Amino acid sequence: MKTFIVGIAGGVGARLARLLTSAGDQVDGLYRRPEQGEHLAAHGVHATHGDLTRLDAPTLATHLDGTDVLVFAAGAGGEGGTAAVTAIDGTGLTTAIEAARLAGVPRLLLVSVFPEAWRDREVSDTFEHYIDVKKKADAALAATDLDWVILRPAALTNDPGTGRVSLAPALIHTQVTRDDVAAVLARLIHTPGIRRRILELTQGPDPISDAVRRQIEK
């Protein structure tokens, strides 16, 4: 299976790439800075140099030849203000959707966000814009005829993964490790029976394999 990860150099994308590569899958994805490519290569991960904000859909589609699953894990990460959020989290996703159609990629997994993230604290206008853009991106993907899955992780941490999560259509926003988000994505990539679903993800009691399998049964 070949997976192309938009955002392959990010905190979740890089972890996912390493998991898939170690499992014997074919992996590719976009990285923007040369040092990111060097870091990925040092971990045995193949990736392609390119800037999502400067690629149109036909150009991105040329990189998707033979791809079975497209994962969109890119995000502005708070850098560059509202313009960067719009360009990456918003327009970037619509470019990826169109590229998937052009390249005949049937399945797209989107790493999104809890709509109510940080409602218990004072947040910046940039963060409010981020939430708005992510919600519109969710809606844009859900309106397509692709085999999509929208995964909404809770607040991300860099703690070591626990291998145990809660995965459901609606959860209370808490936190989850990037390791565990990547592991859940790896499972979802190989679980085509889960399709056209919005799933929220937090740390929890269930082994990841059980949490994902339970969603097949629903």
C-alpha atoms as a PDB file:
ATOM      1  CA  MET A   1       0.000   0.000   0.000  1.00  0.00           C
ATOM      2  CA  LYS A   2       1.202   3.509  -0.790  1.00  0.00           C
ATOM      3  CA  THR A   3       0.362   6.438   1.482  1.00  0.00           C
ATOM      4  CA  PHE A   4       1.140  10.056   0.639  1.00  0.00           C
ATOM      5  CA  ILE A   5       1.298  12.371   3.660  1.00  0.00           C
ATOM      6  CA  VAL A   6       0.808  16.098   3.236  1.00  0.00           C
ATOM      7  CA  GLY A   7       2.653  17.387   6.297  1.00  0.00           C
ATOM      8  CA  ILE A   8       5.059  14.456   6.470  1.00  0.00           C
ATOM      9  CA  ALA A   9       7.629  16.503   8.409  1.00  0.00           C
ATOM     10  CA  GLY A  10       5.178  17.543  11.141  1.00  0.00           C
ATOM     11  CA  GLY A  11       4.809  16.106  14.609  1.00  0.00           C
ATOM     12  CA  VAL A  12       2.109  13.623  13.617  1.00  0.00           C
ATOM     13  CA  GLY A  13       3.094  13.179   9.963  1.00  0.00           C
ATOM     14  CA  ALA A  14       6.693  12.186  10.691  1.00  0.00           C
ATOM     15  CA  ARG A  15       5.620   9.677  13.314  1.00  0.00           C
ATOM     16  CA  LEU A  16       3.063   8.178  10.938  1.00  0.00           C
ATOM     17  CA  ALA A  17       5.621   7.957   8.139  1.00  0.00           C
ATOM     18  CA  ARG A  18       8.043   6.054  10.371  1.00  0.00           C
ATOM     19  CA  LEU A  19       5.322   3.634  11.490  1.00  0.00           C
ATOM     20  CA  LEU A  20       4.183   2.890   7.955  1.00  0.00           C
ATOM     21  CA  THR A  21       7.711   2.591   6.593  1.00  0.00           C
ATOM     22  CA  SER A  22       8.726   0.173   9.349  1.00  0.00           C
ATOM     23  CA  ALA A  23       5.634  -1.904   8.552  1.00  0.00           C
ATOM     24  CA  GLY A  24       6.753  -2.240   4.931  1.00  0.00           C
ATOM     25  CA  ASP A  25       4.348   0.241   3.342  1.00  0.00           C
ATOM     26  CA  GLN A  26       5.414   2.618   0.602  1.00  0.00           C
ATOM     27  CA  VAL A  27       5.422   6.187   1.900  1.00  0.00           C
ATOM     28  CA  ASP A  28       5.850   9.591   0.308  1.00  0.00           C
ATOM     29  CA  GLY A  29       4.874  13.105   1.281  1.00  0.00           C
ATOM     30  CA  LEU A  30       5.634  16.798   1.094  1.00  0.00           C
ATOM     31  CA  TYR A  31       8.285  18.554   3.152  1.00  0.00           C
ATOM     32  CA  ARG A  32       9.146  22.241   2.759  1.00  0.00           C
ATOM     33  CA  ARG A  33      12.614  22.812   4.267  1.00  0.00           C
ATOM     34  CA  PRO A  34      15.775  20.899   3.234  1.00  0.00           C
ATOM     35  CA  GLU A  35      16.634  20.001   6.828  1.00  0.00           C
ATOM     36  CA  GLN A  36      13.246  18.325   7.155  1.00  0.00           C
ATOM     37  CA  GLY A  37      14.056  16.067   4.227  1.00  0.00           C
ATOM     38  CA  GLU A  38      17.419  15.221   5.750  1.00  0.00           C
ATOM     39  CA  HIS A  39      15.789  14.330   9.067  1.00  0.00           C
ATOM     40  CA  LEU A  40      13.209  12.106   7.374  1.00  0.00           C
ATOM     41  CA  ALA A  41      15.852  10.367   5.278  1.00  0.00           C
ATOM     42  CA  ALA A  42      17.890   9.686   8.422  1.00  0.00           C
ATOM     43  CA  HIS A  43      14.898   7.703   9.688  1.00  0.00           C
ATOM     44  CA  GLY A  44      14.520   5.799   6.435  1.00  0.00           C
ATOM     45  CA  VAL A  45      11.538   7.809   5.193  1.00  0.00           C
ATOM     46  CA  HIS A  46      11.271   8.847   1.545  1.00  0.00           C
ATOM     47  CA  ALA A  47       9.660  12.237   0.936  1.00  0.00           C
ATOM     48  CA  THR A  48       9.322  14.891  -1.767  1.00  0.00           C
ATOM     49  CA  HIS A  49      10.394  18.512  -1.515  1.00  0.00           C
ATOM     50  CA  GLY A  50       7.519  20.909  -2.139  1.00  0.00           C
ATOM     51  CA  ASP A  51       5.593  23.810  -0.664  1.00  0.00           C
ATOM     52  CA  LEU A  52       1.872  23.117  -0.355  1.00  0.00           C
ATOM     53  CA  THR A  53       1.048  26.821  -0.530  1.00  0.00           C
ATOM     54  CA  ARG A  54       2.756  27.109  -3.937  1.00  0.00           C
ATOM     55  CA  LEU A  55       1.371  23.972  -5.579  1.00  0.00           C
ATOM     56  CA  ASP A  56      -1.812  23.868  -7.592  1.00  0.00           C
ATOM     57  CA  ALA A  57      -3.922  20.720  -7.708  1.00  0.00           C
ATOM     58  CA  PRO A  58      -2.600  19.397 -11.058  1.00  0.00           C
ATOM     59  CA  THR A  59       1.001  19.746  -9.850  1.00  0.00           C
ATOM     60  CA  LEU A  60       0.269  18.023  -6.546  1.00  0.00           C
ATOM     61  CA  ALA A  61      -1.562  15.280  -8.442  1.00  0.00           C
ATOM     62  CA  THR A  62       1.651  14.425 -10.324  1.00  0.00           C
ATOM     63  CA  HIS A  63       3.170  13.411  -6.981  1.00  0.00           C
ATOM     64  CA  LEU A  64       0.250  11.086  -6.157  1.00  0.00           C
ATOM     65  CA  ASP A  65       0.774   8.494  -8.868  1.00  0.00           C
ATOM     66  CA  GLY A  66      -0.008   5.048  -7.458  1.00  0.00           C
ATOM     67  CA  THR A  67      -1.184   6.442  -4.110  1.00  0.00           C
ATOM     68  CA  ASP A  68      -3.854   4.433  -2.290  1.00  0.00           C
ATOM     69  CA  VAL A  69      -4.424   6.776   0.658  1.00  0.00           C
ATOM     70  CA  LEU A  70      -3.774  10.509   1.012  1.00  0.00           C
ATOM     71  CA  VAL A  71      -3.313  11.773   4.573  1.00  0.00           C
ATOM     72  CA  PHE A  72      -3.620  15.503   5.205  1.00  0.00           C
ATOM     73  CA  ALA A  73      -1.715  16.206   8.415  1.00  0.00           C
ATOM     74  CA  ALA A  74      -0.395  19.656   7.504  1.00  0.00           C
ATOM     75  CA  GLY A  75      -1.038  22.693   9.647  1.00  0.00           C
ATOM     76  CA  ALA A  76       0.263  26.193  10.137  1.00  0.00           C
ATOM     77  CA  GLY A  77       1.020  25.382  13.772  1.00  0.00           C
ATOM     78  CA  GLY A  78       0.472  28.943  14.910  1.00  0.00           C
ATOM     79  CA  GLU A  79       3.170  30.385  12.628  1.00  0.00           C
ATOM     80  CA  GLY A  80       2.420  33.072  10.075  1.00  0.00           C
ATOM     81  CA  GLY A  81      -0.870  34.264  11.563  1.00  0.00           C
ATOM     82  CA  THR A  82      -4.279  33.975   9.968  1.00  0.00           C
ATOM     83  CA  ALA A  83      -2.937  34.126   6.414  1.00  0.00           C
ATOM     84  CA  ALA A  84      -0.853  30.980   6.957  1.00  0.00           C
ATOM     85  CA  VAL A  85      -3.799  29.177   8.572  1.00  0.00           C
ATOM     86  CA  THR A  86      -6.000  29.989   5.599  1.00  0.00           C
ATOM     87  CA  ALA A  87      -3.327  28.983   3.072  1.00  0.00           C
ATOM     88  CA  ILE A  88      -2.354  25.679   4.712  1.00  0.00           C
ATOM     89  CA  ASP A  89      -5.281  24.394   6.787  1.00  0.00           C
ATOM     90  CA  GLY A  90      -7.922  25.776   4.421  1.00  0.00           C
ATOM     91  CA  THR A  91      -6.823  26.242   0.822  1.00  0.00           C
ATOM     92  CA  GLY A  92      -4.206  23.506   1.231  1.00  0.00           C
ATOM     93  CA  LEU A  93      -6.898  20.948   1.946  1.00  0.00           C
ATOM     94  CA  THR A  94      -9.068  21.966  -1.003  1.00  0.00           C
ATOM     95  CA  THR A  95      -5.983  21.663  -3.216  1.00  0.00           C
ATOM     96  CA  ALA A  96      -5.366  18.168  -1.813  1.00  0.00           C
ATOM     97  CA  ILE A  97      -8.980  17.142  -2.417  1.00  0.00           C
ATOM     98  CA  GLU A  98      -8.828  18.229  -6.044  1.00  0.00           C
ATOM     99  CA  ALA A  99      -5.423  16.587  -6.511  1.00  0.00           C
ATOM    100  CA  ALA A 100      -6.801  13.324  -5.124  1.00  0.00           C
ATOM    101  CA  ARG A 101      -9.630  13.456  -7.650  1.00  0.00           C
ATOM    102  CA  LEU A 102      -7.267  14.185 -10.529  1.00  0.00           C
ATOM    103  CA  ALA A 103      -4.897  11.379  -9.528  1.00  0.00           C
ATOM    104  CA  GLY A 104      -7.652   8.860  -8.819  1.00  0.00           C
ATOM    105  CA  VAL A 105      -6.776   8.519  -5.132  1.00  0.00           C
ATOM    106  CA  PRO A 106      -9.909   7.068  -3.528  1.00  0.00           C
ATOM    107  CA  ARG A 107      -9.279   7.649   0.176  1.00  0.00           C
ATOM    108  CA  LEU A 108      -8.370  10.783   2.150  1.00  0.00           C
ATOM    109  CA  LEU A 109      -7.776  11.005   5.891  1.00  0.00           C
ATOM    110  CA  LEU A 110      -7.801  14.461   7.469  1.00  0.00           C
ATOM    111  CA  VAL A 111      -6.252  15.329  10.824  1.00  0.00           C
ATOM    112  CA  SER A 112      -8.575  17.992  12.173  1.00  0.00           C
ATOM    113  CA  VAL A 113      -9.350  19.436  15.619  1.00  0.00           C
ATOM    114  CA  PHE A 114     -12.076  19.368  18.266  1.00  0.00           C
ATOM    115  CA  PRO A 115     -14.445  22.263  17.422  1.00  0.00           C
ATOM    116  CA  GLU A 116     -14.641  23.112  21.134  1.00  0.00           C
ATOM    117  CA  ALA A 117     -10.879  22.993  21.732  1.00  0.00           C
ATOM    118  CA  TRP A 118      -9.787  25.350  24.518  1.00  0.00           C
ATOM    119  CA  ARG A 119     -13.287  26.740  25.091  1.00  0.00           C
ATOM    120  CA  ASP A 120     -12.342  26.877  28.785  1.00  0.00           C
ATOM    121  CA  ARG A 121      -9.613  29.483  28.284  1.00  0.00           C
ATOM    122  CA  GLU A 122      -8.993  32.833  26.659  1.00  0.00           C
ATOM    123  CA  VAL A 123      -7.668  32.381  23.136  1.00  0.00           C
ATOM    124  CA  SER A 124      -6.320  34.675  20.419  1.00  0.00           C
ATOM    125  CA  ASP A 125      -8.113  35.853  17.288  1.00  0.00           C
ATOM    126  CA  THR A 126      -5.685  33.687  15.304  1.00  0.00           C
ATOM    127  CA  PHE A 127      -6.827  30.609  17.209  1.00  0.00           C
ATOM    128  CA  GLU A 128     -10.485  31.459  16.630  1.00  0.00           C
ATOM    129  CA  HIS A 129      -9.696  31.809  12.921  1.00  0.00           C
ATOM    130  CA  TYR A 130      -7.939  28.424  13.037  1.00  0.00           C
ATOM    131  CA  ILE A 131     -11.024  26.742  14.505  1.00  0.00           C
ATOM    132  CA  ASP A 132     -13.229  28.367  11.870  1.00  0.00           C
ATOM    133  CA  VAL A 133     -10.958  27.290   9.004  1.00  0.00           C
ATOM    134  CA  LYS A 134     -10.697  23.722  10.308  1.00  0.00           C
ATOM    135  CA  LYS A 135     -14.483  23.426  10.586  1.00  0.00           C
ATOM    136  CA  LYS A 136     -14.913  24.646   7.012  1.00  0.00           C
ATOM    137  CA  ALA A 137     -12.231  22.172   5.884  1.00  0.00           C
ATOM    138  CA  ASP A 138     -14.117  19.337   7.589  1.00  0.00           C
ATOM    139  CA  ALA A 139     -17.295  20.373   5.796  1.00  0.00           C
ATOM    140  CA  ALA A 140     -15.535  20.622   2.431  1.00  0.00           C
ATOM    141  CA  LEU A 141     -14.130  17.098   2.721  1.00  0.00           C
ATOM    142  CA  ALA A 142     -17.379  15.619   4.023  1.00  0.00           C
ATOM    143  CA  ALA A 143     -19.181  16.986   0.955  1.00  0.00           C
ATOM    144  CA  THR A 144     -16.960  15.012  -1.441  1.00  0.00           C
ATOM    145  CA  ASP A 145     -17.486  11.534  -2.838  1.00  0.00           C
ATOM    146  CA  LEU A 146     -14.076  10.373  -1.588  1.00  0.00           C
ATOM    147  CA  ASP A 147     -13.704   7.640   1.021  1.00  0.00           C
ATOM    148  CA  TRP A 148     -12.857  10.175   3.713  1.00  0.00           C
ATOM    149  CA  VAL A 149     -12.223   9.940   7.432  1.00  0.00           C
ATOM    150  CA  ILE A 150     -11.918  13.040   9.612  1.00  0.00           C
ATOM    151  CA  LEU A 151      -9.914  12.413  12.782  1.00  0.00           C
ATOM    152  CA  ARG A 152     -10.179  15.074  15.491  1.00  0.00           C
ATOM    153  CA  PRO A 153      -7.449  14.596  18.107  1.00  0.00           C
ATOM    154  CA  ALA A 154      -7.620  16.378  21.441  1.00  0.00           C
ATOM    155  CA  ALA A 155      -4.781  18.642  22.628  1.00  0.00           C
ATOM    156  CA  LEU A 156      -1.530  17.117  21.363  1.00  0.00           C
ATOM    157  CA  THR A 157       1.398  16.258  23.634  1.00  0.00           C
ATOM    158  CA  ASN A 158       4.893  14.937  22.982  1.00  0.00           C
ATOM    159  CA  ASP A 159       4.717  12.427  25.821  1.00  0.00           C
ATOM    160  CA  PRO A 160       5.494   8.805  24.913  1.00  0.00           C
ATOM    161  CA  GLY A 161       2.515   6.987  23.479  1.00  0.00           C
ATOM    162  CA  THR A 162       0.442   4.809  25.778  1.00  0.00           C
ATOM    163  CA  GLY A 163      -1.131   2.638  23.093  1.00  0.00           C
ATOM    164  CA  ARG A 164      -4.507   3.251  24.737  1.00  0.00           C
ATOM    165  CA  VAL A 165      -7.124   5.741  23.545  1.00  0.00           C
ATOM    166  CA  SER A 166     -10.778   6.641  23.348  1.00  0.00           C
ATOM    167  CA  LEU A 167     -12.121   6.840  19.781  1.00  0.00           C
ATOM    168  CA  ALA A 168     -15.736   7.819  19.141  1.00  0.00           C
ATOM    169  CA  PRO A 169     -17.928  10.245  17.184  1.00  0.00           C
ATOM    170  CA  ALA A 170     -18.112  12.562  20.211  1.00  0.00           C
ATOM    171  CA  LEU A 171     -15.800  12.845  23.223  1.00  0.00           C
ATOM    172  CA  ILE A 172     -14.861  15.390  25.857  1.00  0.00           C
ATOM    173  CA  HIS A 173     -11.794  17.404  24.817  1.00  0.00           C
ATOM    174  CA  THR A 174      -8.769  16.398  26.931  1.00  0.00           C
ATOM    175  CA  GLN A 175      -5.397  15.443  25.448  1.00  0.00           C
ATOM    176  CA  VAL A 176      -3.626  12.723  23.472  1.00  0.00           C
ATOM    177  CA  THR A 177      -0.021  12.008  22.508  1.00  0.00           C
ATOM    178  CA  ARG A 178       1.224  12.514  18.966  1.00  0.00           C
ATOM    179  CA  ASP A 179       2.557   8.947  19.087  1.00  0.00           C
ATOM    180  CA  ASP A 180      -0.948   7.619  19.674  1.00  0.00           C
ATOM    181  CA  VAL A 181      -2.505   9.841  17.005  1.00  0.00           C
ATOM    182  CA  ALA A 182      -0.017   8.459  14.480  1.00  0.00           C
ATOM    183  CA  ALA A 183      -0.717   4.897  15.589  1.00  0.00           C
ATOM    184  CA  VAL A 184      -4.470   5.389  15.208  1.00  0.00           C
ATOM    185  CA  LEU A 185      -3.978   6.879  11.745  1.00  0.00           C
ATOM    186  CA  ALA A 186      -1.843   3.905  10.733  1.00  0.00           C
ATOM    187  CA  ARG A 187      -4.661   1.591  11.796  1.00  0.00           C
ATOM    188  CA  LEU A 188      -7.298   3.644   9.997  1.00  0.00           C
ATOM    189  CA  ILE A 189      -5.252   3.626   6.792  1.00  0.00           C
ATOM    190  CA  HIS A 190      -5.389  -0.164   6.843  1.00  0.00           C
ATOM    191  CA  THR A 191      -9.066  -0.303   7.833  1.00  0.00           C
ATOM    192  CA  PRO A 192     -11.029   0.610   4.684  1.00  0.00           C
ATOM    193  CA  GLY A 193     -14.258  -0.493   6.372  1.00  0.00           C
ATOM    194  CA  ILE A 194     -14.198   2.785   8.301  1.00  0.00           C
ATOM    195  CA  ARG A 195     -15.246   5.382   5.783  1.00  0.00           C
ATOM    196  CA  ARG A 196     -17.085   8.695   5.700  1.00  0.00           C
ATOM    197  CA  ARG A 197     -16.862   9.050   9.451  1.00  0.00           C
ATOM    198  CA  ILE A 198     -15.897  11.846  11.818  1.00  0.00           C
ATOM    199  CA  LEU A 199     -14.079  10.440  14.851  1.00  0.00           C
ATOM    200  CA  GLU A 200     -12.739  12.215  17.913  1.00  0.00           C
ATOM    201  CA  LEU A 201      -9.661  10.919  19.703  1.00  0.00           C
ATOM    202  CA  THR A 202      -8.396  11.302  23.251  1.00  0.00           C
ATOM    203  CA  GLN A 203      -6.224   9.370  25.646  1.00  0.00           C
ATOM    204  CA  GLY A 204      -8.320   6.565  27.073  1.00  0.00           C
ATOM    205  CA  PRO A 205      -8.569   2.995  28.301  1.00  0.00           C
ATOM    206  CA  ASP A 206      -8.844   1.026  25.070  1.00  0.00           C
ATOM    207  CA  PRO A 207      -5.948  -0.580  23.182  1.00  0.00           C
ATOM    208  CA  ILE A 208      -5.706   1.153  19.799  1.00  0.00           C
ATOM    209  CA  SER A 209      -6.498  -2.023  17.865  1.00  0.00           C
ATOM    210  CA  ASP A 210      -9.685  -2.531  19.896  1.00  0.00           C
ATOM    211  CA  ALA A 211     -10.713   1.126  19.614  1.00  0.00           C
ATOM    212  CA  VAL A 212     -10.437   1.065  15.830  1.00  0.00           C
ATOM    213  CA  ARG A 213     -12.065  -2.342  15.468  1.00  0.00           C
ATOM    214  CA  ARG A 214     -15.048  -1.148  17.519  1.00  0.00           C
ATOM    215  CA  GLN A 215     -15.686   1.562  14.923  1.00  0.00           C
ATOM    216  CA  ILE A 216     -15.949  -1.049  12.158  1.00  0.00           C
ATOM    217  CA  GLU A 217     -18.742  -2.719  14.051  1.00  0.00           C
ATOM    218  CA  LYS A 218     -20.843   0.454  14.314  1.00  0.00           C
END
